[in-house]
Protein backbone atom coordinates (compact mmCIF):
# COMPACT_ATOMS: atom_id res chain seq x y z
CA UNK A 1 -3.69 -15.47 -18.90
CA UNK A 2 -4.33 -11.90 -19.95
CA UNK A 3 -6.14 -9.47 -17.68
CA UNK A 4 -8.84 -9.01 -20.29
CA UNK A 5 -9.65 -12.72 -20.35
CA UNK A 6 -9.61 -12.96 -16.56
CA UNK A 7 -12.05 -10.06 -16.32
CA UNK A 8 -14.33 -11.65 -18.93
CA UNK A 9 -14.33 -14.89 -16.97
CA UNK A 10 -15.00 -12.98 -13.76
CA UNK A 11 -17.97 -11.19 -15.35
CA UNK A 12 -19.42 -14.59 -16.21
CA UNK A 13 -19.19 -15.58 -12.54
CA UNK A 14 -16.03 -17.68 -12.72
CA UNK A 15 -14.71 -17.71 -9.15
CA UNK A 16 -11.42 -19.23 -10.32
CA UNK A 17 -10.77 -16.01 -12.25
CA UNK A 18 -11.24 -13.99 -9.06
CA UNK A 19 -8.91 -16.37 -7.23
CA UNK A 20 -6.26 -15.95 -9.95
CA UNK A 21 -6.53 -12.17 -9.78
CA UNK A 22 -6.33 -12.27 -5.99
CA UNK A 23 -3.26 -14.52 -5.96
CA UNK A 24 -1.52 -12.40 -8.59
CA UNK A 25 -2.01 -9.11 -6.74
CA UNK A 26 -2.54 -9.80 -3.02
CA UNK A 27 1.08 -9.62 -1.86
CA UNK A 28 1.81 -6.29 -3.51
CA UNK A 29 -1.51 -4.80 -2.36
CA UNK A 30 -1.11 -6.07 1.20
CA UNK A 31 2.41 -4.65 1.37
CA UNK A 32 1.13 -1.32 0.10
CA UNK A 33 -1.74 -1.21 2.61
CA UNK A 34 0.53 -2.23 5.50
CA UNK A 35 3.10 0.39 4.54
CA UNK A 36 0.43 3.07 4.69
CA UNK A 37 -1.46 2.01 7.83
CA UNK A 38 1.31 0.21 9.80
CA UNK A 39 -1.08 -2.39 11.15
CA UNK A 40 -1.35 -5.84 9.60
CA UNK A 41 -4.94 -6.45 10.73
CA UNK A 42 -6.08 -3.16 9.23
CA UNK A 43 -4.10 -3.83 6.05
CA UNK A 44 -5.75 -7.25 5.70
CA UNK A 45 -9.18 -5.66 6.26
CA UNK A 46 -8.45 -3.12 3.53
CA UNK A 47 -7.35 -5.85 1.12
CA UNK A 48 -10.48 -7.86 1.94
CA UNK A 49 -12.74 -4.82 1.42
CA UNK A 50 -11.10 -4.04 -1.92
CA UNK A 51 -11.60 -7.56 -3.26
CA UNK A 52 -15.17 -7.85 -1.96
CA UNK A 53 -16.03 -4.59 -3.73
CA UNK A 54 -14.12 -5.67 -6.82
CA UNK A 55 -15.95 -9.01 -6.98
CA UNK A 56 -19.31 -7.33 -6.39
CA UNK A 57 -18.77 -4.80 -9.17
CA UNK A 58 -17.17 -7.22 -11.64
CA UNK A 59 -20.22 -7.43 -13.89
CA UNK A 60 -20.19 -3.66 -14.45
CA UNK A 61 -16.42 -3.18 -14.35
CA UNK A 62 -15.01 -1.16 -17.24
CA UNK A 63 -11.28 -0.82 -16.76
CA UNK A 64 -9.69 2.23 -18.34
CA UNK A 65 -6.29 1.27 -16.97
CA UNK A 66 -4.42 -1.85 -15.94
CA UNK A 67 -5.94 -4.13 -13.35
CA UNK A 68 -2.90 -3.58 -11.12
CA UNK A 69 -3.40 0.18 -11.20
CA UNK A 70 -7.14 -0.17 -10.59
CA UNK A 71 -6.57 -2.36 -7.52
CA UNK A 72 -3.73 -0.13 -6.25
CA UNK A 73 -6.01 2.90 -6.55
CA UNK A 74 -8.73 0.99 -4.70
CA UNK A 75 -6.36 0.19 -1.83
CA UNK A 76 -5.14 3.78 -1.69
CA UNK A 77 -8.72 5.07 -1.59
CA UNK A 78 -9.64 2.65 1.21
CA UNK A 79 -6.63 3.79 3.21
CA UNK A 80 -7.59 7.44 2.69
CA UNK A 81 -11.15 6.67 3.79
CA UNK A 82 -9.88 5.09 6.98
CA UNK A 83 -7.63 8.08 7.71
CA UNK A 84 -10.54 10.45 7.19
CA UNK A 85 -12.78 8.43 9.52
CA UNK A 86 -10.14 7.91 12.19
CA UNK A 87 -7.97 10.93 12.79
CA UNK A 88 -6.41 9.24 15.81
CA UNK A 89 -5.28 6.20 13.81
CA UNK A 90 -1.60 7.23 13.93
CA UNK A 91 -1.68 7.30 17.74
CA UNK A 92 -3.17 3.81 17.87
CA UNK A 93 -0.61 2.51 15.37
CA UNK A 94 2.26 3.77 17.50
CA UNK A 95 0.74 2.12 20.58
CA UNK A 96 0.26 -1.21 18.77
CA UNK A 97 3.61 -1.25 16.95
CA UNK A 98 4.37 -3.08 13.70
CA UNK A 99 3.76 -6.74 13.01
CA UNK A 100 6.62 -8.94 14.12
CA UNK A 101 8.83 -10.13 11.25
CA UNK A 102 9.80 -13.78 10.87
CA UNK A 103 13.51 -14.66 10.93
CA UNK A 104 15.39 -17.87 11.58
CA UNK A 105 17.95 -16.37 13.97
CA UNK A 106 16.72 -14.59 17.12
CA UNK A 107 19.39 -11.88 16.72
CA UNK A 108 18.28 -11.21 13.13
CA UNK A 109 14.65 -11.04 14.22
CA UNK A 110 15.49 -8.55 16.96
CA UNK A 111 17.48 -6.31 14.61
CA UNK A 112 14.82 -6.49 11.89
CA UNK A 113 12.03 -5.77 14.39
CA UNK A 114 13.92 -2.75 15.71
CA UNK A 115 14.61 -1.41 12.21
CA UNK A 116 11.02 -2.02 11.14
CA UNK A 117 9.76 -0.20 14.24
CA UNK A 118 12.05 2.78 13.58
CA UNK A 119 10.95 2.99 9.94
CA UNK A 120 7.28 2.63 10.85
CA UNK A 121 7.51 5.42 13.42
CA UNK A 122 9.45 7.63 10.99
CA UNK A 123 6.96 7.04 8.16
CA UNK A 124 4.06 7.85 10.47
CA UNK A 125 5.66 11.24 11.16
CA UNK A 126 5.69 12.23 7.48
CA UNK A 127 2.80 14.26 6.09
CA UNK A 128 0.21 11.95 4.50
CA UNK A 129 1.01 13.04 0.93
CA UNK A 130 4.73 12.37 1.38
CA UNK A 131 4.09 9.04 3.12
CA UNK A 132 1.83 7.94 0.25
CA UNK A 133 4.38 8.89 -2.41
CA UNK A 134 7.31 7.21 -0.63
CA UNK A 135 5.27 4.06 -0.01
CA UNK A 136 3.83 3.88 -3.51
CA UNK A 137 7.27 4.41 -5.03
CA UNK A 138 9.31 2.07 -2.80
CA UNK A 139 6.78 -0.60 -1.82
CA UNK A 140 4.39 -0.70 -4.77
CA UNK A 141 7.06 0.11 -7.35
CA UNK A 142 4.93 2.72 -9.09
CA UNK A 143 6.43 5.36 -11.33
CA UNK A 144 6.04 9.05 -10.51
CA UNK A 145 3.60 9.45 -13.41
CA UNK A 146 1.35 6.71 -11.99
CA UNK A 147 1.51 8.21 -8.51
CA UNK A 148 0.64 11.63 -9.92
CA UNK A 149 -2.51 10.17 -11.47
CA UNK A 150 -3.45 8.44 -8.21
CA UNK A 151 -2.95 11.61 -6.18
CA UNK A 152 -4.50 13.77 -8.90
CA UNK A 153 -1.53 16.11 -9.02
CA UNK A 154 1.45 16.88 -11.24
CA UNK A 155 4.57 14.74 -11.66
CA UNK A 156 6.85 17.54 -10.32
CA UNK A 157 4.69 17.77 -7.20
CA UNK A 158 4.97 14.01 -6.66
CA UNK A 159 8.73 14.14 -7.21
CA UNK A 160 9.04 16.97 -4.69
CA UNK A 161 6.93 15.07 -2.12
CA UNK A 162 9.12 12.01 -2.63
CA UNK A 163 12.34 13.99 -2.31
CA UNK A 164 11.18 15.80 0.83
CA UNK A 165 9.86 12.57 2.34
CA UNK A 166 13.12 10.71 1.70
CA UNK A 167 15.14 13.63 3.10
CA UNK A 168 13.04 13.66 6.27
CA UNK A 169 13.37 9.88 6.66
CA UNK A 170 17.14 10.08 6.22
CA UNK A 171 17.29 12.78 8.88
CA UNK A 172 15.18 10.65 11.27
CA UNK A 173 17.02 7.40 10.44
CA UNK A 174 20.73 8.18 10.22
CA UNK A 175 22.89 5.36 8.91
CA UNK A 176 20.10 3.54 7.04
CA UNK A 177 19.57 3.15 3.33
CA UNK A 178 16.19 4.04 1.92
CA UNK A 179 16.47 3.48 -1.81
């Protein structure tokens, strides 16, 4: 069903429309939030907050962009709000570590957990703007033009942030592939 029809149904109070929108976008948005905050509980809280706000404002919602972009921007703004309110969040994230991945073989799980931990720590060391660009590009699959709009900056600036972020990650994570 088209986004336009789903939004019309949502405006009329159709909870199934909200459920369809949630199911269609939750995985990508949760991945994005987790990649930025490195804590699954916080990422889930952000996703919940975004959809509660979205549902509450549905009757007045006037999308000027795609629903995916609107929700991605909402997640990004929630993450930024949390960083502004909690300057010590990065220290807490390092202390808590990443969520444990699920693998069938214990050896695979150990390797994946170690790699995830290394990447999480490395991402946390990047400046916020670079971390956002790298995460939005690699995890959310956004184009540089879309990221530039989200960050309210130029495409060349976004491309430079991405390039510098990837270079720093490669230097911190020798032997890994990032793209």
